[in-house]
Amino acid sequence: QGVMDIDPPLFVFVTAYSDHAIKAFEAQAVDYLMKPVEQDRLADTMDRVRSRLADRRTAEEVERLRSVINEVAPDAVGNMPPPDEEMATSRFEKLINVKDRGQIFRVDVDTIERIEAAGDYMCIITADTSLILRETMKDLEKRLDPRTFQRVHRSKIVNLDLVRQVKPHTNGECFLVLESGAQVKVSRSYRDVVARFVH
């Protein structure tokens, strides 16, 4: 699929300046990369672009299916959920099953405050508990909606909905203060994530 076939086109900003980030995201940019671009960060962006393309193809297929159903069985269309809702429910998980200490916990992803990697394990932290999940950071990222869960460090993912304050630190690093009062350091490689909070 060529870039000019995509309507509207998908944009990724690559720049040495962080001060245009807010405008970029207001313009619905897929991502905003700071130079020098790290290979892992670029790979994450390409995954995000592929996801967006897959979402669009799914939406187009659903729309075509609706048209066909509308011709043969008009009454059935009213029972189909809208495409966005259908994709949101099917693409990213709302509940994650975590087997920890011999028990299985069902964790509502909206309650997850942050996720921290420790070797081959992930520590899933909510307001009132911490659970250990054996899974890689990359696999877990694919299961969570990137509009809410963003990596801010090589070994940390944060729920952006629970960020209450951004505290600048040295060397381009900063801390995110979460609803619980916990502070998570954002490494320089992921500082463009913070641009989403600067107004």
C-alpha atoms as a PDB file:
ATOM      1  CA  GLN A   1       0.000   0.000   0.000  1.00  0.00           C
ATOM      2  CA  GLY A   2       1.584   3.272  -1.129  1.00  0.00           C
ATOM      3  CA  VAL A   3       1.655   6.338   1.101  1.00  0.00           C
ATOM      4  CA  MET A   4      -0.479   8.319  -1.350  1.00  0.00           C
ATOM      5  CA  ASP A   5      -3.176   5.616  -1.247  1.00  0.00           C
ATOM      6  CA  ILE A   6      -3.731   6.233   2.469  1.00  0.00           C
ATOM      7  CA  ASP A   7      -6.396   8.832   3.227  1.00  0.00           C
ATOM      8  CA  PRO A   8      -5.629  10.737   5.346  1.00  0.00           C
ATOM      9  CA  PRO A   9      -1.864   9.975   5.242  1.00  0.00           C
ATOM     10  CA  LEU A  10      -0.026   8.827   8.376  1.00  0.00           C
ATOM     11  CA  PHE A  11       2.648  11.210   9.661  1.00  0.00           C
ATOM     12  CA  VAL A  12       5.615  10.596  11.967  1.00  0.00           C
ATOM     13  CA  PHE A  13       7.614  13.690  12.961  1.00  0.00           C
ATOM     14  CA  VAL A  14      11.385  13.218  13.251  1.00  0.00           C
ATOM     15  CA  THR A  15      13.104  16.296  14.638  1.00  0.00           C
ATOM     16  CA  ALA A  16      15.736  17.585  17.035  1.00  0.00           C
ATOM     17  CA  TYR A  17      13.232  20.008  18.598  1.00  0.00           C
ATOM     18  CA  SER A  18      10.681  18.996  21.225  1.00  0.00           C
ATOM     19  CA  ASP A  19       8.685  22.261  21.091  1.00  0.00           C
ATOM     20  CA  HIS A  20       6.546  21.171  18.100  1.00  0.00           C
ATOM     21  CA  ALA A  21       5.354  17.946  19.739  1.00  0.00           C
ATOM     22  CA  ILE A  22       2.005  19.258  20.977  1.00  0.00           C
ATOM     23  CA  LYS A  23       1.080  20.609  17.531  1.00  0.00           C
ATOM     24  CA  ALA A  24       2.157  17.304  16.003  1.00  0.00           C
ATOM     25  CA  PHE A  25      -0.155  15.291  18.250  1.00  0.00           C
ATOM     26  CA  GLU A  26      -2.983  17.791  17.759  1.00  0.00           C
ATOM     27  CA  ALA A  27      -2.531  17.111  14.027  1.00  0.00           C
ATOM     28  CA  GLN A  28      -3.052  13.389  14.795  1.00  0.00           C
ATOM     29  CA  ALA A  29       0.593  12.428  14.147  1.00  0.00           C
ATOM     30  CA  VAL A  30       1.273   8.748  14.734  1.00  0.00           C
ATOM     31  CA  ASP A  31       4.449   9.520  16.674  1.00  0.00           C
ATOM     32  CA  TYR A  32       7.074  12.171  17.376  1.00  0.00           C
ATOM     33  CA  LEU A  33      10.708  11.032  17.344  1.00  0.00           C
ATOM     34  CA  MET A  34      13.570  13.038  18.770  1.00  0.00           C
ATOM     35  CA  LYS A  35      16.973  12.984  17.078  1.00  0.00           C
ATOM     36  CA  PRO A  36      19.236  11.096  17.447  1.00  0.00           C
ATOM     37  CA  VAL A  37      16.638   8.366  16.853  1.00  0.00           C
ATOM     38  CA  GLU A  38      17.326   5.093  18.659  1.00  0.00           C
ATOM     39  CA  GLN A  39      16.781   1.865  16.747  1.00  0.00           C
ATOM     40  CA  ASP A  40      14.396   0.391  19.373  1.00  0.00           C
ATOM     41  CA  ARG A  41      12.343   3.592  19.396  1.00  0.00           C
ATOM     42  CA  LEU A  42      12.099   3.590  15.579  1.00  0.00           C
ATOM     43  CA  ALA A  43      11.047  -0.085  15.645  1.00  0.00           C
ATOM     44  CA  ASP A  44       8.271   0.786  18.143  1.00  0.00           C
ATOM     45  CA  THR A  45       7.087   3.582  15.835  1.00  0.00           C
ATOM     46  CA  MET A  46       7.002   1.274  12.815  1.00  0.00           C
ATOM     47  CA  ASP A  47       4.920  -1.207  14.875  1.00  0.00           C
ATOM     48  CA  ARG A  48       2.527   1.642  15.667  1.00  0.00           C
ATOM     49  CA  VAL A  49       2.279   2.627  11.970  1.00  0.00           C
ATOM     50  CA  ARG A  50       1.573  -1.007  11.003  1.00  0.00           C
ATOM     51  CA  SER A  51      -1.128  -1.170  13.701  1.00  0.00           C
ATOM     52  CA  ARG A  52      -2.770   1.993  12.347  1.00  0.00           C
ATOM     53  CA  LEU A  53      -2.729   0.550   8.809  1.00  0.00           C
ATOM     54  CA  ALA A  54      -4.214  -2.723  10.091  1.00  0.00           C
ATOM     55  CA  ASP A  55      -6.922  -0.761  11.957  1.00  0.00           C
ATOM     56  CA  ARG A  56      -7.822   1.127   8.789  1.00  0.00           C
ATOM     57  CA  ARG A  57      -8.001  -2.045   6.729  1.00  0.00           C
ATOM     58  CA  THR A  58     -10.237  -3.606   9.391  1.00  0.00           C
ATOM     59  CA  ALA A  59     -12.491  -0.525   9.395  1.00  0.00           C
ATOM     60  CA  GLU A  60     -12.751  -0.649   5.594  1.00  0.00           C
ATOM     61  CA  GLU A  61     -13.607  -4.357   5.672  1.00  0.00           C
ATOM     62  CA  VAL A  62     -16.275  -3.790   8.353  1.00  0.00           C
ATOM     63  CA  GLU A  63     -17.727  -0.949   6.280  1.00  0.00           C
ATOM     64  CA  ARG A  64     -17.833  -3.151   3.148  1.00  0.00           C
ATOM     65  CA  LEU A  65     -19.477  -5.913   5.174  1.00  0.00           C
ATOM     66  CA  ARG A  66     -22.092  -3.423   6.424  1.00  0.00           C
ATOM     67  CA  SER A  67     -22.886  -2.384   2.832  1.00  0.00           C
ATOM     68  CA  VAL A  68     -23.409  -6.001   1.763  1.00  0.00           C
ATOM     69  CA  ILE A  69     -25.543  -6.796   4.827  1.00  0.00           C
ATOM     70  CA  ASN A  70     -27.536  -3.625   4.273  1.00  0.00           C
ATOM     71  CA  GLU A  71     -28.480  -4.855   0.790  1.00  0.00           C
ATOM     72  CA  VAL A  72     -29.475  -8.398   1.782  1.00  0.00           C
ATOM     73  CA  ALA A  73     -30.725  -7.894   5.357  1.00  0.00           C
ATOM     74  CA  PRO A  74     -31.215  -4.205   6.257  1.00  0.00           C
ATOM     75  CA  ASP A  75     -32.580  -5.020   9.738  1.00  0.00           C
ATOM     76  CA  ALA A  76     -29.335  -6.756  10.759  1.00  0.00           C
ATOM     77  CA  VAL A  77     -27.124  -3.672  10.375  1.00  0.00           C
ATOM     78  CA  GLY A  78     -28.617  -1.991  13.416  1.00  0.00           C
ATOM     79  CA  ASN A  79     -27.284  -4.806  15.598  1.00  0.00           C
ATOM     80  CA  MET A  80     -23.674  -4.386  14.467  1.00  0.00           C
ATOM     81  CA  PRO A  81     -21.469  -2.239  16.737  1.00  0.00           C
ATOM     82  CA  PRO A  82     -19.821   0.778  15.076  1.00  0.00           C
ATOM     83  CA  PRO A  83     -16.377  -0.027  13.559  1.00  0.00           C
ATOM     84  CA  ASP A  84     -14.333   1.952  16.114  1.00  0.00           C
ATOM     85  CA  GLU A  85     -16.064   0.286  19.039  1.00  0.00           C
ATOM     86  CA  GLU A  86     -15.646  -3.115  17.448  1.00  0.00           C
ATOM     87  CA  MET A  87     -11.919  -2.601  16.937  1.00  0.00           C
ATOM     88  CA  ALA A  88     -11.371  -1.140  20.392  1.00  0.00           C
ATOM     89  CA  THR A  89     -12.982  -4.129  22.078  1.00  0.00           C
ATOM     90  CA  SER A  90     -11.278  -6.757  19.952  1.00  0.00           C
ATOM     91  CA  ARG A  91      -7.809  -5.292  19.460  1.00  0.00           C
ATOM     92  CA  PHE A  92      -6.656  -4.464  22.991  1.00  0.00           C
ATOM     93  CA  GLU A  93      -7.366  -6.365  26.171  1.00  0.00           C
ATOM     94  CA  LYS A  94      -9.570  -4.985  28.917  1.00  0.00           C
ATOM     95  CA  LEU A  95      -8.692  -7.728  31.409  1.00  0.00           C
ATOM     96  CA  ILE A  96      -5.363  -9.477  31.870  1.00  0.00           C
ATOM     97  CA  ASN A  97      -5.127 -12.823  33.648  1.00  0.00           C
ATOM     98  CA  VAL A  98      -2.099 -12.952  35.934  1.00  0.00           C
ATOM     99  CA  LYS A  99      -0.989 -16.177  37.566  1.00  0.00           C
ATOM    100  CA  ASP A 100       0.860 -15.194  40.721  1.00  0.00           C
ATOM    101  CA  ARG A 101       1.737 -17.301  43.758  1.00  0.00           C
ATOM    102  CA  GLY A 102      -0.443 -20.180  42.526  1.00  0.00           C
ATOM    103  CA  GLN A 103      -3.543 -18.022  42.074  1.00  0.00           C
ATOM    104  CA  ILE A 104      -5.043 -16.440  38.964  1.00  0.00           C
ATOM    105  CA  PHE A 105      -5.947 -12.771  39.252  1.00  0.00           C
ATOM    106  CA  ARG A 106      -8.088 -10.961  36.664  1.00  0.00           C
ATOM    107  CA  VAL A 107      -6.750  -7.435  36.415  1.00  0.00           C
ATOM    108  CA  ASP A 108      -8.798  -4.647  34.810  1.00  0.00           C
ATOM    109  CA  VAL A 109      -6.215  -2.838  32.639  1.00  0.00           C
ATOM    110  CA  ASP A 110      -7.701   0.581  33.520  1.00  0.00           C
ATOM    111  CA  THR A 111      -6.595   0.013  37.137  1.00  0.00           C
ATOM    112  CA  ILE A 112      -2.968  -0.671  36.164  1.00  0.00           C
ATOM    113  CA  GLU A 113      -0.875   2.312  37.219  1.00  0.00           C
ATOM    114  CA  ARG A 114       2.487   1.180  35.907  1.00  0.00           C
ATOM    115  CA  ILE A 115       4.384  -1.900  34.760  1.00  0.00           C
ATOM    116  CA  GLU A 116       8.035  -2.508  35.572  1.00  0.00           C
ATOM    117  CA  ALA A 117      10.306  -5.112  34.029  1.00  0.00           C
ATOM    118  CA  ALA A 118      12.504  -7.288  36.231  1.00  0.00           C
ATOM    119  CA  GLY A 119      14.430  -9.805  34.149  1.00  0.00           C
ATOM    120  CA  ASP A 120      11.953 -12.151  32.417  1.00  0.00           C
ATOM    121  CA  TYR A 121       9.111 -10.923  34.642  1.00  0.00           C
ATOM    122  CA  MET A 122       6.776  -7.946  34.649  1.00  0.00           C
ATOM    123  CA  CYS A 123       5.618  -6.348  37.881  1.00  0.00           C
ATOM    124  CA  ILE A 124       2.055  -5.062  37.322  1.00  0.00           C
ATOM    125  CA  ILE A 125       1.257  -2.350  39.860  1.00  0.00           C
ATOM    126  CA  THR A 126      -2.267  -1.098  40.624  1.00  0.00           C
ATOM    127  CA  ALA A 127      -3.380   1.295  43.374  1.00  0.00           C
ATOM    128  CA  ASP A 128      -3.697  -1.530  45.908  1.00  0.00           C
ATOM    129  CA  THR A 129      -1.601  -4.480  44.721  1.00  0.00           C
ATOM    130  CA  SER A 130       1.485  -5.674  42.822  1.00  0.00           C
ATOM    131  CA  LEU A 131       1.439  -8.855  40.749  1.00  0.00           C
ATOM    132  CA  ILE A 132       4.184 -10.711  38.914  1.00  0.00           C
ATOM    133  CA  LEU A 133       3.593 -11.785  35.307  1.00  0.00           C
ATOM    134  CA  ARG A 134       6.033 -13.877  33.269  1.00  0.00           C
ATOM    135  CA  GLU A 135       5.969 -12.107  29.922  1.00  0.00           C
ATOM    136  CA  THR A 136       8.246  -9.839  27.884  1.00  0.00           C
ATOM    137  CA  MET A 137       7.760  -6.084  27.797  1.00  0.00           C
ATOM    138  CA  LYS A 138       7.333  -6.157  23.996  1.00  0.00           C
ATOM    139  CA  ASP A 139       4.558  -8.798  24.123  1.00  0.00           C
ATOM    140  CA  LEU A 140       2.736  -6.993  26.933  1.00  0.00           C
ATOM    141  CA  GLU A 141       2.903  -3.691  25.012  1.00  0.00           C
ATOM    142  CA  LYS A 142       1.081  -5.307  22.064  1.00  0.00           C
ATOM    143  CA  ARG A 143      -1.815  -6.283  24.350  1.00  0.00           C
ATOM    144  CA  LEU A 144      -2.300  -2.767  25.768  1.00  0.00           C
ATOM    145  CA  ASP A 145      -3.769   0.279  24.038  1.00  0.00           C
ATOM    146  CA  PRO A 146      -0.835   2.610  23.196  1.00  0.00           C
ATOM    147  CA  ARG A 147      -3.135   5.628  23.565  1.00  0.00           C
ATOM    148  CA  THR A 148      -3.175   4.864  27.304  1.00  0.00           C
ATOM    149  CA  PHE A 149      -0.079   2.800  28.047  1.00  0.00           C
ATOM    150  CA  GLN A 150       3.275   4.220  26.989  1.00  0.00           C
ATOM    151  CA  ARG A 151       6.812   3.097  27.661  1.00  0.00           C
ATOM    152  CA  VAL A 152       8.743   5.880  29.427  1.00  0.00           C
ATOM    153  CA  HIS A 153      11.888   3.888  30.170  1.00  0.00           C
ATOM    154  CA  ARG A 154      13.552   0.749  28.844  1.00  0.00           C
ATOM    155  CA  SER A 155      11.938  -1.167  31.715  1.00  0.00           C
ATOM    156  CA  LYS A 156       8.812   0.864  32.559  1.00  0.00           C
ATOM    157  CA  ILE A 157       5.325   1.373  31.077  1.00  0.00           C
ATOM    158  CA  VAL A 158       2.955   3.996  32.533  1.00  0.00           C
ATOM    159  CA  ASN A 159      -0.821   4.484  32.351  1.00  0.00           C
ATOM    160  CA  LEU A 160      -0.962   8.039  30.927  1.00  0.00           C
ATOM    161  CA  ASP A 161      -4.498   8.532  32.290  1.00  0.00           C
ATOM    162  CA  LEU A 162      -3.093   8.370  35.827  1.00  0.00           C
ATOM    163  CA  VAL A 163      -0.319  10.972  35.369  1.00  0.00           C
ATOM    164  CA  ARG A 164      -0.959  14.020  37.549  1.00  0.00           C
ATOM    165  CA  GLN A 165       2.298  15.999  37.282  1.00  0.00           C
ATOM    166  CA  VAL A 166       5.479  16.239  35.214  1.00  0.00           C
ATOM    167  CA  LYS A 167       8.606  17.229  37.185  1.00  0.00           C
ATOM    168  CA  PRO A 168      11.672  18.206  35.117  1.00  0.00           C
ATOM    169  CA  HIS A 169      14.953  16.599  36.138  1.00  0.00           C
ATOM    170  CA  THR A 170      18.561  16.857  34.919  1.00  0.00           C
ATOM    171  CA  ASN A 171      19.935  15.845  31.489  1.00  0.00           C
ATOM    172  CA  GLY A 172      16.582  15.993  29.714  1.00  0.00           C
ATOM    173  CA  GLU A 173      15.081  13.429  32.082  1.00  0.00           C
ATOM    174  CA  CYS A 174      11.975  14.039  34.167  1.00  0.00           C
ATOM    175  CA  PHE A 175       9.619  12.357  36.629  1.00  0.00           C
ATOM    176  CA  LEU A 176       5.938  11.597  36.140  1.00  0.00           C
ATOM    177  CA  VAL A 177       3.933  11.848  39.356  1.00  0.00           C
ATOM    178  CA  LEU A 178       1.047   9.373  39.293  1.00  0.00           C
ATOM    179  CA  GLU A 179      -2.329   9.510  41.034  1.00  0.00           C
ATOM    180  CA  SER A 180      -1.042   7.300  43.861  1.00  0.00           C
ATOM    181  CA  GLY A 181       1.878   9.679  44.486  1.00  0.00           C
ATOM    182  CA  ALA A 182       4.391   7.271  42.928  1.00  0.00           C
ATOM    183  CA  GLN A 183       7.094   8.904  40.802  1.00  0.00           C
ATOM    184  CA  VAL A 184       8.392   7.286  37.617  1.00  0.00           C
ATOM    185  CA  LYS A 185      11.532   8.523  35.898  1.00  0.00           C
ATOM    186  CA  VAL A 186      11.272   9.115  32.147  1.00  0.00           C
ATOM    187  CA  SER A 187      14.600   8.366  30.477  1.00  0.00           C
ATOM    188  CA  ARG A 188      15.959  10.656  27.758  1.00  0.00           C
ATOM    189  CA  SER A 189      15.235   8.074  25.036  1.00  0.00           C
ATOM    190  CA  TYR A 190      11.502   8.382  25.769  1.00  0.00           C
ATOM    191  CA  ARG A 191      11.304  12.100  26.580  1.00  0.00           C
ATOM    192  CA  ASP A 192       9.082  12.728  23.546  1.00  0.00           C
ATOM    193  CA  VAL A 193       6.287  10.884  25.423  1.00  0.00           C
ATOM    194  CA  VAL A 194       6.319  13.752  27.941  1.00  0.00           C
ATOM    195  CA  ALA A 195       5.661  16.249  25.145  1.00  0.00           C
ATOM    196  CA  ARG A 196       2.068  14.992  25.186  1.00  0.00           C
ATOM    197  CA  PHE A 197       1.594  16.571  28.632  1.00  0.00           C
ATOM    198  CA  VAL A 198       3.181  19.963  27.930  1.00  0.00           C
ATOM    199  CA  HIS A 199       0.651  22.680  27.177  1.00  0.00           C
END
